[in-house]
């Protein structure tokens, strides 16, 4: 049984994000703002459903630098992640075109 809950709530996933892999060009570095993806998914007041008594809005951390960013999955045949800066800007190169889109799983850790 897991007894140490002190760090358990310090991390969370956002829903998988899609990366456009329709144009292969290993010489071009593209970027995606992971913090913006997070705020777009969580900072909403029009959720499809919520439990009784739940607030209308999911709270979000106020700045990008409040988080550490981790890629826990990416399709290495489609993209190469080249870095993530402290503001959550992930850079990548499209190295293969399998389905024109590729999923990336992201974990955020609260500083």
N, C-alpha and C. Protein backbone atom coordinates (compact mmCIF):
# COMPACT_ATOMS: atom_id res chain seq x y z
N UNK A 1 0.84 -1.18 0.00
CA UNK A 1 0.00 0.00 0.00
C UNK A 1 0.88 1.24 0.00
N UNK A 2 0.48 2.25 -0.75
CA UNK A 2 1.21 3.51 -0.85
C UNK A 2 0.87 4.38 0.34
N UNK A 3 1.86 4.68 1.18
CA UNK A 3 1.61 5.46 2.38
C UNK A 3 2.13 6.89 2.32
N UNK A 4 3.08 7.16 1.45
CA UNK A 4 3.68 8.48 1.39
C UNK A 4 2.88 9.37 0.44
N UNK A 5 2.00 10.18 0.98
CA UNK A 5 1.17 11.04 0.14
C UNK A 5 1.73 12.45 0.04
N UNK A 6 2.86 12.74 0.66
CA UNK A 6 3.38 14.11 0.65
C UNK A 6 3.75 14.59 -0.74
N UNK A 7 4.23 13.72 -1.61
CA UNK A 7 4.58 14.12 -2.97
C UNK A 7 3.56 13.69 -4.01
N UNK A 8 2.57 12.92 -3.58
CA UNK A 8 1.62 12.37 -4.53
C UNK A 8 0.85 13.44 -5.29
N UNK A 9 0.41 14.49 -4.62
CA UNK A 9 -0.38 15.52 -5.29
C UNK A 9 0.49 16.59 -5.93
N UNK A 10 1.77 16.37 -5.98
CA UNK A 10 2.68 17.36 -6.55
C UNK A 10 2.87 17.22 -8.05
N UNK A 11 2.24 16.24 -8.65
CA UNK A 11 2.35 16.09 -10.10
C UNK A 11 0.98 15.74 -10.68
N UNK A 12 0.82 16.01 -11.99
CA UNK A 12 -0.43 15.69 -12.67
C UNK A 12 -0.19 15.63 -14.16
N UNK A 13 -1.06 14.91 -14.86
CA UNK A 13 -1.03 14.82 -16.31
C UNK A 13 -2.04 15.79 -16.90
N UNK A 14 -1.74 16.30 -18.06
CA UNK A 14 -2.79 16.91 -18.87
C UNK A 14 -3.20 15.84 -19.88
N UNK A 15 -4.31 16.06 -20.55
CA UNK A 15 -4.71 15.12 -21.60
C UNK A 15 -3.63 15.12 -22.68
N UNK A 16 -3.49 14.01 -23.37
CA UNK A 16 -2.50 13.94 -24.44
C UNK A 16 -2.71 15.08 -25.41
N UNK A 17 -1.60 15.61 -25.91
CA UNK A 17 -1.71 16.67 -26.91
C UNK A 17 -1.28 16.12 -28.26
N UNK A 18 -1.84 16.68 -29.30
CA UNK A 18 -1.52 16.26 -30.66
C UNK A 18 -0.45 17.17 -31.25
N UNK A 19 0.50 16.55 -31.91
CA UNK A 19 1.56 17.27 -32.61
C UNK A 19 1.39 16.98 -34.10
N UNK A 20 1.36 18.03 -34.90
CA UNK A 20 1.23 17.89 -36.35
C UNK A 20 2.53 17.33 -36.92
N UNK A 21 2.45 16.15 -37.51
CA UNK A 21 3.62 15.55 -38.15
C UNK A 21 3.42 15.37 -39.65
N UNK A 22 2.54 16.19 -40.22
CA UNK A 22 2.20 16.02 -41.63
C UNK A 22 3.33 16.47 -42.56
N UNK A 23 4.22 17.35 -42.08
CA UNK A 23 5.34 17.81 -42.90
C UNK A 23 6.64 17.40 -42.22
N UNK A 24 7.34 16.47 -42.85
CA UNK A 24 8.61 15.99 -42.31
C UNK A 24 9.72 16.93 -42.77
N UNK A 25 10.47 17.47 -41.82
CA UNK A 25 11.63 18.30 -42.12
C UNK A 25 12.55 18.29 -40.91
N UNK A 26 13.55 17.45 -40.95
CA UNK A 26 14.44 17.28 -39.79
C UNK A 26 15.30 18.51 -39.53
N UNK A 27 15.28 19.48 -40.43
CA UNK A 27 16.06 20.71 -40.26
C UNK A 27 15.29 21.83 -39.58
N UNK A 28 14.00 21.65 -39.40
CA UNK A 28 13.16 22.69 -38.81
C UNK A 28 12.79 22.30 -37.39
N UNK A 29 13.06 23.21 -36.45
CA UNK A 29 12.66 23.01 -35.06
C UNK A 29 11.34 23.74 -34.86
N UNK A 30 10.33 23.01 -34.42
CA UNK A 30 9.02 23.58 -34.13
C UNK A 30 8.85 23.66 -32.63
N UNK A 31 7.86 24.42 -32.17
CA UNK A 31 7.62 24.54 -30.74
C UNK A 31 6.15 24.40 -30.42
N UNK A 32 5.88 24.01 -29.20
CA UNK A 32 4.53 24.00 -28.65
C UNK A 32 4.64 24.48 -27.21
N UNK A 33 3.71 25.33 -26.80
CA UNK A 33 3.71 25.88 -25.46
C UNK A 33 2.89 24.96 -24.55
N UNK A 34 3.59 24.19 -23.72
CA UNK A 34 2.92 23.22 -22.85
C UNK A 34 2.08 23.90 -21.78
N UNK A 35 2.55 25.03 -21.27
CA UNK A 35 1.77 25.76 -20.26
C UNK A 35 0.45 26.24 -20.87
N UNK A 36 0.49 26.74 -22.09
CA UNK A 36 -0.74 27.18 -22.77
C UNK A 36 -1.69 26.01 -23.01
N UNK A 37 -1.13 24.85 -23.35
CA UNK A 37 -1.96 23.66 -23.51
C UNK A 37 -2.65 23.32 -22.20
N UNK A 38 -1.91 23.40 -21.10
CA UNK A 38 -2.44 23.13 -19.76
C UNK A 38 -3.55 24.11 -19.41
N UNK A 39 -3.31 25.40 -19.57
CA UNK A 39 -4.34 26.37 -19.18
C UNK A 39 -5.57 26.27 -20.07
N UNK A 40 -5.40 25.91 -21.33
CA UNK A 40 -6.54 25.73 -22.22
C UNK A 40 -7.40 24.54 -21.78
N UNK A 41 -6.76 23.49 -21.28
CA UNK A 41 -7.50 22.30 -20.86
C UNK A 41 -8.13 22.46 -19.48
N UNK A 42 -7.45 23.16 -18.57
CA UNK A 42 -7.90 23.22 -17.18
C UNK A 42 -8.65 24.50 -16.82
N UNK A 43 -8.30 25.60 -17.41
CA UNK A 43 -8.89 26.89 -17.04
C UNK A 43 -10.18 27.13 -17.83
N UNK A 44 -11.15 26.27 -17.59
CA UNK A 44 -12.41 26.35 -18.32
C UNK A 44 -13.57 26.46 -17.32
N UNK A 45 -14.61 27.12 -17.74
CA UNK A 45 -15.81 27.20 -16.91
C UNK A 45 -16.95 26.41 -17.54
N UNK A 46 -16.74 25.91 -18.72
CA UNK A 46 -17.79 25.18 -19.43
C UNK A 46 -17.41 23.69 -19.54
N UNK A 47 -17.27 23.03 -18.39
CA UNK A 47 -16.95 21.61 -18.41
C UNK A 47 -18.19 20.80 -18.78
N UNK A 48 -17.96 19.63 -19.35
CA UNK A 48 -19.07 18.77 -19.74
C UNK A 48 -19.85 18.28 -18.52
N UNK A 49 -19.16 18.02 -17.42
CA UNK A 49 -19.81 17.53 -16.21
C UNK A 49 -18.82 17.69 -15.06
N UNK A 50 -19.35 17.88 -13.88
CA UNK A 50 -18.53 17.91 -12.67
C UNK A 50 -19.35 17.33 -11.53
N UNK A 51 -18.68 16.90 -10.48
CA UNK A 51 -19.37 16.29 -9.36
C UNK A 51 -20.11 17.34 -8.54
N UNK A 52 -21.07 16.90 -7.76
CA UNK A 52 -21.84 17.79 -6.89
C UNK A 52 -20.91 18.56 -5.98
N UNK A 53 -21.10 19.86 -5.90
CA UNK A 53 -20.32 20.70 -5.03
C UNK A 53 -18.97 21.12 -5.59
N UNK A 54 -18.60 20.61 -6.75
CA UNK A 54 -17.32 21.00 -7.34
C UNK A 54 -17.38 22.43 -7.84
N UNK A 55 -16.28 23.18 -7.68
CA UNK A 55 -16.27 24.55 -8.21
C UNK A 55 -16.48 24.56 -9.72
N UNK A 56 -16.98 25.66 -10.23
CA UNK A 56 -17.25 25.77 -11.66
C UNK A 56 -15.98 25.77 -12.49
N UNK A 57 -14.87 26.20 -11.90
CA UNK A 57 -13.62 26.31 -12.64
C UNK A 57 -12.53 25.46 -11.97
N UNK A 58 -11.74 24.79 -12.78
CA UNK A 58 -10.60 24.03 -12.28
C UNK A 58 -9.46 25.02 -12.06
N UNK A 59 -8.87 25.04 -10.87
CA UNK A 59 -7.79 26.00 -10.64
C UNK A 59 -6.53 25.65 -11.43
N UNK A 60 -5.82 26.67 -11.87
CA UNK A 60 -4.55 26.48 -12.56
C UNK A 60 -3.47 27.29 -11.85
N UNK A 61 -2.25 26.85 -11.98
CA UNK A 61 -1.13 27.60 -11.42
C UNK A 61 -0.93 28.86 -12.25
N UNK A 62 -0.63 29.98 -11.60
CA UNK A 62 -0.67 31.27 -12.29
C UNK A 62 0.43 31.53 -13.31
N UNK A 63 1.59 30.90 -13.18
CA UNK A 63 2.66 31.17 -14.15
C UNK A 63 3.30 29.88 -14.63
N UNK A 64 3.85 29.94 -15.81
CA UNK A 64 4.51 28.77 -16.42
C UNK A 64 5.69 28.29 -15.59
N UNK A 65 6.35 29.19 -14.91
CA UNK A 65 7.54 28.81 -14.14
C UNK A 65 7.20 28.19 -12.79
N UNK A 66 5.92 28.01 -12.48
CA UNK A 66 5.50 27.30 -11.27
C UNK A 66 5.60 25.78 -11.44
N UNK A 67 5.94 25.34 -12.63
CA UNK A 67 5.92 23.92 -12.96
C UNK A 67 7.25 23.44 -13.55
N UNK A 68 7.51 22.14 -13.37
CA UNK A 68 8.51 21.42 -14.15
C UNK A 68 7.75 20.63 -15.19
N UNK A 69 8.35 20.42 -16.35
CA UNK A 69 7.68 19.77 -17.48
C UNK A 69 8.43 18.51 -17.87
N UNK A 70 7.68 17.42 -18.08
CA UNK A 70 8.26 16.14 -18.47
C UNK A 70 7.45 15.55 -19.62
N UNK A 71 8.13 15.02 -20.61
CA UNK A 71 7.48 14.24 -21.66
C UNK A 71 7.62 12.79 -21.24
N UNK A 72 6.50 12.12 -21.00
CA UNK A 72 6.54 10.72 -20.60
C UNK A 72 6.32 9.77 -21.78
N UNK A 73 5.82 10.31 -22.89
CA UNK A 73 5.67 9.50 -24.09
C UNK A 73 5.65 10.39 -25.31
N UNK A 74 6.36 9.97 -26.33
CA UNK A 74 6.23 10.54 -27.67
C UNK A 74 6.61 9.44 -28.64
N UNK A 75 6.08 9.50 -29.83
CA UNK A 75 6.37 8.51 -30.86
C UNK A 75 7.72 8.84 -31.48
N UNK A 76 8.75 8.11 -31.11
CA UNK A 76 10.10 8.41 -31.56
C UNK A 76 10.31 8.15 -33.05
N UNK A 77 9.33 7.55 -33.72
CA UNK A 77 9.43 7.39 -35.18
C UNK A 77 8.86 8.60 -35.91
N UNK A 78 8.13 9.46 -35.19
CA UNK A 78 7.52 10.64 -35.80
C UNK A 78 8.22 11.93 -35.41
N UNK A 79 8.56 12.07 -34.12
CA UNK A 79 9.15 13.32 -33.65
C UNK A 79 10.34 13.05 -32.73
N UNK A 80 11.21 14.02 -32.69
CA UNK A 80 12.31 14.04 -31.72
C UNK A 80 12.12 15.28 -30.87
N UNK A 81 11.96 15.08 -29.56
CA UNK A 81 11.86 16.21 -28.64
C UNK A 81 13.28 16.72 -28.43
N UNK A 82 13.50 18.00 -28.70
CA UNK A 82 14.86 18.55 -28.59
C UNK A 82 15.06 19.36 -27.32
N UNK A 83 13.99 19.68 -26.60
CA UNK A 83 14.15 20.40 -25.34
C UNK A 83 12.84 20.94 -24.82
N UNK A 84 12.86 21.32 -23.54
CA UNK A 84 11.75 22.02 -22.90
C UNK A 84 12.38 23.09 -22.01
N UNK A 85 11.99 24.34 -22.20
CA UNK A 85 12.57 25.38 -21.36
C UNK A 85 11.75 25.57 -20.08
N UNK A 86 12.21 26.46 -19.21
CA UNK A 86 11.57 26.68 -17.91
C UNK A 86 10.16 27.26 -18.03
N UNK A 87 9.82 27.81 -19.18
CA UNK A 87 8.48 28.36 -19.40
C UNK A 87 7.54 27.36 -20.05
N UNK A 88 8.00 26.13 -20.24
CA UNK A 88 7.15 25.09 -20.81
C UNK A 88 7.09 25.09 -22.32
N UNK A 89 8.04 25.76 -22.97
CA UNK A 89 8.08 25.73 -24.43
C UNK A 89 8.87 24.49 -24.85
N UNK A 90 8.18 23.54 -25.45
CA UNK A 90 8.80 22.31 -25.91
C UNK A 90 9.18 22.46 -27.37
N UNK A 91 10.43 22.14 -27.69
CA UNK A 91 10.87 22.18 -29.08
C UNK A 91 11.02 20.74 -29.59
N UNK A 92 10.77 20.59 -30.88
CA UNK A 92 10.79 19.25 -31.47
C UNK A 92 11.03 19.34 -32.97
N UNK A 93 11.44 18.23 -33.53
CA UNK A 93 11.60 18.09 -34.98
C UNK A 93 10.72 16.95 -35.46
N UNK A 94 10.11 17.13 -36.61
CA UNK A 94 9.33 16.06 -37.22
C UNK A 94 10.27 15.23 -38.07
N UNK A 95 10.44 13.97 -37.70
CA UNK A 95 11.40 13.10 -38.39
C UNK A 95 10.73 12.02 -39.22
N UNK A 96 9.42 11.84 -39.04
CA UNK A 96 8.69 10.83 -39.80
C UNK A 96 7.23 11.18 -39.86
N UNK A 97 6.56 10.71 -40.88
CA UNK A 97 5.15 11.01 -41.08
C UNK A 97 4.38 9.70 -41.09
N UNK A 98 3.88 9.32 -39.94
CA UNK A 98 3.13 8.07 -39.87
C UNK A 98 1.65 8.27 -40.09
N UNK A 99 1.04 9.21 -39.38
CA UNK A 99 -0.40 9.42 -39.48
C UNK A 99 -0.76 10.89 -39.61
N UNK A 100 0.17 11.76 -39.80
CA UNK A 100 0.04 13.22 -39.87
C UNK A 100 -0.17 13.87 -38.50
N UNK A 101 -0.43 13.07 -37.47
CA UNK A 101 -0.52 13.57 -36.10
C UNK A 101 0.18 12.58 -35.18
N UNK A 102 0.75 13.10 -34.10
CA UNK A 102 1.40 12.24 -33.13
C UNK A 102 0.99 12.68 -31.74
N UNK A 103 0.77 11.73 -30.85
CA UNK A 103 0.41 12.04 -29.47
C UNK A 103 1.67 12.23 -28.63
N UNK A 104 1.57 13.14 -27.67
CA UNK A 104 2.63 13.35 -26.69
C UNK A 104 1.96 13.40 -25.32
N UNK A 105 2.49 12.65 -24.37
CA UNK A 105 2.00 12.69 -23.00
C UNK A 105 2.92 13.54 -22.14
N UNK A 106 2.31 14.42 -21.36
CA UNK A 106 3.06 15.39 -20.56
C UNK A 106 2.67 15.25 -19.09
N UNK A 107 3.69 15.30 -18.22
CA UNK A 107 3.49 15.36 -16.78
C UNK A 107 4.01 16.70 -16.29
N UNK A 108 3.24 17.33 -15.42
CA UNK A 108 3.68 18.56 -14.77
C UNK A 108 3.98 18.24 -13.31
N UNK A 109 5.06 18.80 -12.79
CA UNK A 109 5.39 18.68 -11.38
C UNK A 109 5.41 20.09 -10.81
N UNK A 110 4.69 20.27 -9.72
CA UNK A 110 4.61 21.58 -9.07
C UNK A 110 5.92 21.83 -8.34
N UNK A 111 6.50 22.99 -8.58
CA UNK A 111 7.77 23.35 -7.91
C UNK A 111 7.53 23.60 -6.44
